[in-house]
Protein backbone atom coordinates (compact mmCIF):
# COMPACT_ATOMS: atom_id res chain seq x y z
CA MET A 1 0.00 0.00 0.00
CA LYS A 2 2.93 2.33 0.67
CA LYS A 3 4.11 1.80 -2.89
CA ALA A 4 0.66 2.68 -4.21
CA MET A 5 0.59 5.88 -2.19
CA ALA A 6 4.10 6.81 -3.33
CA ILE A 7 3.14 6.17 -6.95
CA SER A 8 -0.03 8.25 -6.52
CA ALA A 9 1.94 11.13 -5.01
CA LEU A 10 4.51 10.97 -7.78
CA GLY A 11 1.75 10.89 -10.40
CA LEU A 12 0.07 13.88 -8.79
CA ALA A 13 3.34 15.79 -8.80
CA PHE A 14 3.76 15.00 -12.50
CA VAL A 15 0.21 16.09 -13.34
CA ALA A 16 0.55 19.29 -11.32
CA GLY A 17 3.90 20.05 -12.94
CA ALA A 18 2.48 19.49 -16.41
CA ALA A 19 -0.52 21.66 -15.61
CA PHE A 20 1.66 24.55 -14.47
CA ALA A 21 4.22 24.12 -17.26
CA ASP A 22 1.80 25.46 -19.86
CA LYS A 23 0.85 29.10 -19.78
CA VAL A 24 -2.30 29.62 -17.74
CA ARG A 25 -4.85 31.11 -20.09
CA ASP A 26 -7.66 31.67 -17.64
CA TRP A 27 -8.95 30.76 -14.20
CA GLN A 28 -10.58 27.58 -15.52
CA ASP A 29 -7.11 26.06 -16.02
CA LEU A 30 -6.31 26.73 -12.37
CA GLU A 31 -9.69 25.41 -11.31
CA ALA A 32 -8.99 22.11 -13.09
CA VAL A 33 -5.70 21.74 -11.22
CA HIS A 34 -7.51 22.63 -7.98
CA HIS A 35 -9.98 19.83 -8.67
CA HIS A 36 -7.13 17.33 -9.24
CA VAL A 37 -5.52 18.27 -5.94
CA GLN A 38 -8.87 17.80 -4.16
CA GLU A 39 -9.12 14.33 -5.72
CA ALA A 40 -5.59 13.54 -4.55
CA ILE A 41 -6.53 14.56 -1.00
CA HIS A 42 -9.48 12.14 -1.07
CA GLU A 43 -7.31 9.34 -2.46
CA LEU A 44 -4.70 9.97 0.22
CA GLU A 45 -7.37 9.89 2.93
CA ARG A 46 -8.52 6.49 1.65
CA ALA A 47 -4.93 5.20 1.48
CA ARG A 48 -4.20 6.37 5.01
CA ALA A 49 -7.36 4.70 6.32
CA ALA A 50 -6.49 1.47 4.50
CA ASN A 51 -3.08 1.52 6.23
CA HIS A 52 -4.70 2.25 9.60
CA TYR A 53 -3.01 5.67 9.55
CA ASP A 54 0.31 3.93 10.32
CA MET A 55 2.80 5.67 8.04
CA ALA A 56 5.22 7.05 10.61
CA GLY A 57 3.65 10.49 10.23
CA HIS A 58 4.45 10.74 6.54
CA GLY A 59 0.85 10.31 5.41
CA ALA A 60 -0.32 13.12 7.65
CA LYS A 61 2.50 15.35 6.43
CA ALA A 62 1.67 14.61 2.79
CA GLU A 63 -1.98 15.40 3.47
CA ALA A 64 -1.02 18.70 5.12
CA HIS A 65 1.04 19.65 2.06
CA LEU A 66 -1.81 18.76 -0.28
CA ARG A 67 -4.25 20.79 1.79
CA ALA A 68 -1.87 23.78 1.69
CA ALA A 69 -1.60 23.42 -2.10
CA GLU A 70 -5.39 23.17 -2.35
CA HIS A 71 -5.77 26.37 -0.33
CA GLU A 72 -3.26 28.28 -2.46
CA LEU A 73 -4.91 27.08 -5.68
CA HIS A 74 -8.29 28.19 -4.36
CA GLU A 75 -6.84 31.64 -3.64
CA ALA A 76 -5.24 31.73 -7.12
CA VAL A 77 -8.56 30.88 -8.78
CA GLU A 78 -10.38 33.57 -6.82
CA SER A 79 -7.66 36.10 -7.66
CA ALA A 80 -7.77 35.21 -11.36
CA LYS A 81 -11.56 35.49 -11.39
CA ALA A 82 -11.38 38.94 -9.79
CA ALA A 83 -8.74 40.10 -12.29
CA LYS A 84 -11.00 39.48 -15.29
């Protein structure tokens, strides 16, 4: 299960990197990335529960980072919407 979570996190990092590599044309691009991060949070929650939350604190730390990214993306979307 740890391998699956690591692969998921790596995949998320790749998707997020690819999403930000292209020029952001409008807030809908950011909103799509925001949605992907929210999905990753839910997947991580399920993975942590399946492992009985026993990941030496790394699962909780990963979730905290994802939640921080989700918050910043939300703020970016709101800012981009206001700028139009």
